[in-house]
Structure formats: C-alpha cells, structure tokens
C-alpha atoms as a PDB file:
ATOM      1  CA  MET A   1       0.018   0.054   0.160  1.00  0.00           C
ATOM      2  CA  LEU A   2       1.497   3.359  -0.956  1.00  0.00           C
ATOM      3  CA  LEU A   3       0.670   5.920   1.671  1.00  0.00           C
ATOM      4  CA  ASN A   4       2.760   8.673   0.065  1.00  0.00           C
ATOM      5  CA  VAL A   5       3.586   9.986   3.714  1.00  0.00           C
ATOM      6  CA  GLY A   6       6.931  11.620   4.390  1.00  0.00           C
ATOM      7  CA  LEU A   7       8.687  13.521   7.257  1.00  0.00           C
ATOM      8  CA  LYS A   8       9.109  17.303   7.443  1.00  0.00           C
ATOM      9  CA  GLY A   9      12.678  18.758   7.410  1.00  0.00           C
ATOM     10  CA  ASP A  10      12.742  18.559  11.229  1.00  0.00           C
ATOM     11  CA  GLY A  11      11.636  14.731  11.198  1.00  0.00           C
ATOM     12  CA  SER A  12       8.086  15.214  12.294  1.00  0.00           C
ATOM     13  CA  LEU A  13       4.894  14.388  10.432  1.00  0.00           C
ATOM     14  CA  ARG A  14       2.348  16.677   8.929  1.00  0.00           C
ATOM     15  CA  ASN A  15      -0.875  16.578  11.241  1.00  0.00           C
ATOM     16  CA  ILE A  16      -2.826  15.165   8.326  1.00  0.00           C
ATOM     17  CA  ASP A  17      -0.390  12.337   7.645  1.00  0.00           C
ATOM     18  CA  LYS A  18      -0.208  11.535  11.336  1.00  0.00           C
ATOM     19  CA  ALA A  19      -4.006  11.486  11.599  1.00  0.00           C
ATOM     20  CA  MET A  20      -4.277   9.216   8.361  1.00  0.00           C
ATOM     21  CA  LEU A  21      -1.538   6.698   9.905  1.00  0.00           C
ATOM     22  CA  GLU A  22      -3.707   6.384  13.185  1.00  0.00           C
ATOM     23  CA  GLU A  23      -6.746   5.494  11.306  1.00  0.00           C
ATOM     24  CA  ILE A  24      -5.032   2.936   9.370  1.00  0.00           C
ATOM     25  CA  GLY A  25      -3.581   1.670  12.707  1.00  0.00           C
ATOM     26  CA  ILE A  26      -7.206   1.539  14.201  1.00  0.00           C
ATOM     27  CA  TRP A  27      -8.493  -0.492  11.177  1.00  0.00           C
ATOM     28  CA  VAL A  28      -5.454  -2.910  11.375  1.00  0.00           C
ATOM     29  CA  LYS A  29      -6.178  -3.439  15.153  1.00  0.00           C
ATOM     30  CA  LEU A  30      -9.811  -4.122  14.544  1.00  0.00           C
ATOM     31  CA  ASN A  31      -9.186  -6.376  11.677  1.00  0.00           C
ATOM     32  CA  LYS A  32      -5.919  -7.998  12.660  1.00  0.00           C
ATOM     33  CA  ASN A  33      -7.280 -11.647  12.937  1.00  0.00           C
ATOM     34  CA  PHE A  34      -7.994 -11.745   9.138  1.00  0.00           C
ATOM     35  CA  ILE A  35      -5.049  -9.782   7.848  1.00  0.00           C
ATOM     36  CA  TYR A  36      -2.000 -11.760   8.796  1.00  0.00           C
ATOM     37  CA  LYS A  37      -2.703 -15.449   8.187  1.00  0.00           C
ATOM     38  CA  ILE A  38      -5.597 -15.452   5.601  1.00  0.00           C
ATOM     39  CA  ARG A  39      -5.790 -17.358   2.193  1.00  0.00           C
ATOM     40  CA  ARG A  40      -8.018 -17.309  -0.692  1.00  0.00           C
ATOM     41  CA  VAL A  41     -11.062 -19.518  -0.718  1.00  0.00           C
ATOM     42  CA  GLU A  42     -12.179 -21.404  -3.730  1.00  0.00           C
ATOM     43  CA  ASP A  43     -15.069 -23.562  -2.341  1.00  0.00           C
ATOM     44  CA  VAL A  44     -17.256 -20.675  -0.980  1.00  0.00           C
ATOM     45  CA  LYS A  45     -19.071 -18.027  -3.331  1.00  0.00           C
ATOM     46  CA  ALA A  46     -20.541 -14.916  -2.291  1.00  0.00           C
ATOM     47  CA  GLU A  47     -22.315 -11.931  -3.636  1.00  0.00           C
ATOM     48  CA  ASN A  48     -21.243  -8.485  -2.347  1.00  0.00           C
ATOM     49  CA  ALA A  49     -18.208  -9.760  -0.348  1.00  0.00           C
ATOM     50  CA  GLN A  50     -14.903 -11.333  -1.014  1.00  0.00           C
ATOM     51  CA  ILE A  51     -14.487 -14.554   1.194  1.00  0.00           C
ATOM     52  CA  VAL A  52     -11.070 -15.461   2.718  1.00  0.00           C
ATOM     53  CA  LYS A  53     -10.096 -17.799   5.667  1.00  0.00           C
ATOM     54  CA  ASP A  54      -7.587 -18.652   8.154  1.00  0.00           C
ATOM     55  CA  ASP A  55      -7.127 -21.907  10.186  1.00  0.00           C
ATOM     56  CA  LYS A  56     -10.420 -21.355  12.105  1.00  0.00           C
ATOM     57  CA  TYR A  57     -12.725 -18.875  10.485  1.00  0.00           C
ATOM     58  CA  TYR A  58     -14.231 -17.538   7.319  1.00  0.00           C
ATOM     59  CA  TYR A  59     -14.254 -13.907   6.863  1.00  0.00           C
ATOM     60  CA  ALA A  60     -16.428 -11.831   4.307  1.00  0.00           C
ATOM     61  CA  ILE A  61     -14.966  -8.452   3.481  1.00  0.00           C
ATOM     62  CA  ILE A  62     -17.723  -6.035   2.344  1.00  0.00           C
ATOM     63  CA  LYS A  63     -16.598  -2.954   0.511  1.00  0.00           C
ATOM     64  CA  ASP A  64     -18.171   0.372   0.283  1.00  0.00           C
ATOM     65  CA  VAL A  65     -20.072   0.216   3.457  1.00  0.00           C
ATOM     66  CA  PRO A  66     -22.002   3.415   4.228  1.00  0.00           C
ATOM     67  CA  MET A  67     -22.362   5.221   7.683  1.00  0.00           C
ATOM     68  CA  LYS A  68     -25.657   5.694   9.485  1.00  0.00           C
ATOM     69  CA  ALA A  69     -26.845   8.559  11.471  1.00  0.00           C
ATOM     70  CA  ASP A  70     -29.462   6.346  13.439  1.00  0.00           C
ATOM     71  CA  PRO A  71     -30.814   2.827  12.998  1.00  0.00           C
ATOM     72  CA  ASP A  72     -33.305   3.956  10.315  1.00  0.00           C
ATOM     73  CA  VAL A  73     -31.093   6.510   8.142  1.00  0.00           C
ATOM     74  CA  ALA A  74     -28.105   5.398   6.050  1.00  0.00           C
ATOM     75  CA  ILE A  75     -25.733   8.034   5.025  1.00  0.00           C
ATOM     76  CA  GLY A  76     -23.291   7.626   1.843  1.00  0.00           C
ATOM     77  CA  GLY A  77     -24.644   4.573  -0.144  1.00  0.00           C
ATOM     78  CA  ASN A  78     -26.949   1.839  -0.245  1.00  0.00           C
ATOM     79  CA  ILE A  79     -27.161  -1.055   2.272  1.00  0.00           C
ATOM     80  CA  LYS A  80     -25.720  -4.227   0.722  1.00  0.00           C
ATOM     81  CA  GLU A  81     -27.171  -7.604   1.142  1.00  0.00           C
ATOM     82  CA  VAL A  82     -24.657 -10.317   1.068  1.00  0.00           C
ATOM     83  CA  PHE A  83     -25.167 -13.838   0.027  1.00  0.00           C
ATOM     84  CA  ILE A  84     -22.874 -16.688   0.859  1.00  0.00           C
ATOM     85  CA  ASP A  85     -23.543 -20.252  -0.745  1.00  0.00           C
ATOM     86  CA  ALA A  86     -23.055 -22.210   2.300  1.00  0.00           C
ATOM     87  CA  LYS A  87     -24.655 -22.728   5.659  1.00  0.00           C
ATOM     88  CA  ILE A  88     -23.277 -19.983   7.846  1.00  0.00           C
ATOM     89  CA  LYS A  89     -22.856 -20.268  11.837  1.00  0.00           C
ATOM     90  CA  ASP A  90     -21.570 -18.028  14.590  1.00  0.00           C
ATOM     91  CA  ALA A  91     -21.536 -14.711  12.523  1.00  0.00           C
ATOM     92  CA  VAL A  92     -20.212 -11.748  13.927  1.00  0.00           C
ATOM     93  CA  TRP A  93     -18.831  -8.309  12.876  1.00  0.00           C
ATOM     94  CA  LEU A  94     -15.019  -8.372  13.406  1.00  0.00           C
ATOM     95  CA  ASP A  95     -15.076  -4.487  14.384  1.00  0.00           C
ATOM     96  CA  ASN A  96     -17.353  -4.722  17.396  1.00  0.00           C
ATOM     97  CA  GLY A  97     -18.283  -8.277  18.055  1.00  0.00           C
ATOM     98  CA  GLU A  98     -22.069  -7.881  17.194  1.00  0.00           C
ATOM     99  CA  LYS A  99     -23.830 -11.030  16.170  1.00  0.00           C
ATOM    100  CA  ILE A 100     -25.077 -11.062  12.591  1.00  0.00           C
ATOM    101  CA  LYS A 101     -28.615 -12.401  11.802  1.00  0.00           C
ATOM    102  CA  VAL A 102     -28.063 -14.690   8.881  1.00  0.00           C
ATOM    103  CA  LYS A 103     -31.087 -16.588   6.981  1.00  0.00           C
ATOM    104  CA  ASP A 104     -30.522 -18.894   4.088  1.00  0.00           C
ATOM    105  CA  GLY A 105     -26.838 -17.572   3.700  1.00  0.00           C
ATOM    106  CA  ARG A 106     -27.930 -13.799   3.628  1.00  0.00           C
ATOM    107  CA  PHE A 107     -27.370 -10.891   5.829  1.00  0.00           C
ATOM    108  CA  VAL A 108     -27.310  -7.207   5.733  1.00  0.00           C
ATOM    109  CA  GLY A 109     -23.876  -5.315   5.252  1.00  0.00           C
ATOM    110  CA  ARG A 110     -25.088  -3.123   8.074  1.00  0.00           C
ATOM    111  CA  PRO A 111     -23.560   0.359   8.058  1.00  0.00           C
ATOM    112  CA  PHE A 112     -20.930   1.741  10.293  1.00  0.00           C
ATOM    113  CA  TYR A 113     -22.221   4.067  12.969  1.00  0.00           C
ATOM    114  CA  TYR A 114     -21.758   7.687  12.353  1.00  0.00           C
ATOM    115  CA  GLY A 115     -18.299   8.699  12.645  1.00  0.00           C
ATOM    116  CA  ASN A 116     -16.787   5.312  12.472  1.00  0.00           C
ATOM    117  CA  SER A 117     -16.902   4.383   8.843  1.00  0.00           C
ATOM    118  CA  LEU A 118     -13.647   2.580   7.887  1.00  0.00           C
ATOM    119  CA  TYR A 119     -14.943   1.809   4.317  1.00  0.00           C
ATOM    120  CA  VAL A 120     -14.563  -1.849   4.659  1.00  0.00           C
ATOM    121  CA  ARG A 121     -16.557  -4.121   7.091  1.00  0.00           C
ATOM    122  CA  VAL A 122     -15.523  -7.536   7.968  1.00  0.00           C
ATOM    123  CA  ALA A 123     -18.012 -10.414   9.087  1.00  0.00           C
ATOM    124  CA  ARG A 124     -16.370 -13.367  10.742  1.00  0.00           C
ATOM    125  CA  PHE A 125     -18.245 -16.839  10.623  1.00  0.00           C
ATOM    126  CA  LYS A 126     -17.938 -20.602  10.532  1.00  0.00           C
ATOM    127  CA  ILE A 127     -19.485 -22.947   8.002  1.00  0.00           C
ATOM    128  CA  ALA A 128     -21.608 -25.868   9.226  1.00  0.00           C
ATOM    129  CA  LYS A 129     -20.664 -29.182   7.700  1.00  0.00           C
END
C-alpha cells in the first residue's frame, strides 16, 4: 500500500499524515485476525463480499459500507445484502463483535455508526458441515 507520507525537514509528520496513519492503525487493530494469516477460498462463493479464511474462521470482506446517523437512516450509499452459498453459523462483525442475523446464507452489510466508517466491514463466521 502506497501511503505517500513523508517526514518534514525536522523529522516530524504533518498533522494530516499522522491522522491518516492513526486511522489505518485503528483499522488494522480491529481487523488483525484476518489480515496476517488468511488465504483465498475457492469452495465458498459470495455476492457483495470477498471470502477469505484462516485456520479457524471464514471472513466476508464487504466494501463500500456506508455510515448511518441512526438505525433507520443510512448515509453515503446503499445498504448491501450479502449472500454466501454455504450454511453459516456463529457470524459476528469483526469490528465490534455484534452478532449477525443470517437467514439462508443472506445477511445485511450493516452500516457503520456515524463517524466510524472505515470503508470496509468484515464479518467472521464458521461454515456448518
């Protein structure tokens, strides 16, 4: 990832660059479980999400997730419905641990709470065999 961040002449960072790096750090901390040891998945297909897995869980990476001001109002885009062609169990949002209601492999890519949009939202789940 090219961040195009450089130091000023005195060795310090510009405030905007520091803020950007702090936001990236927050995202990495929230999503570290699926960043470092994941691999591609060929046996599970999805609509509106990319599926990866580690040794224990599958992860649905949902892009372009909007923010919301309150539970009934979405800001910044359409709410996405995700479909995964497998029987899902124990699904939670990786960023806050909230359980995800899944029915017939479908769930809503719920928006971030206002002010917390990190663009990509990740759902962690297991597949029932």
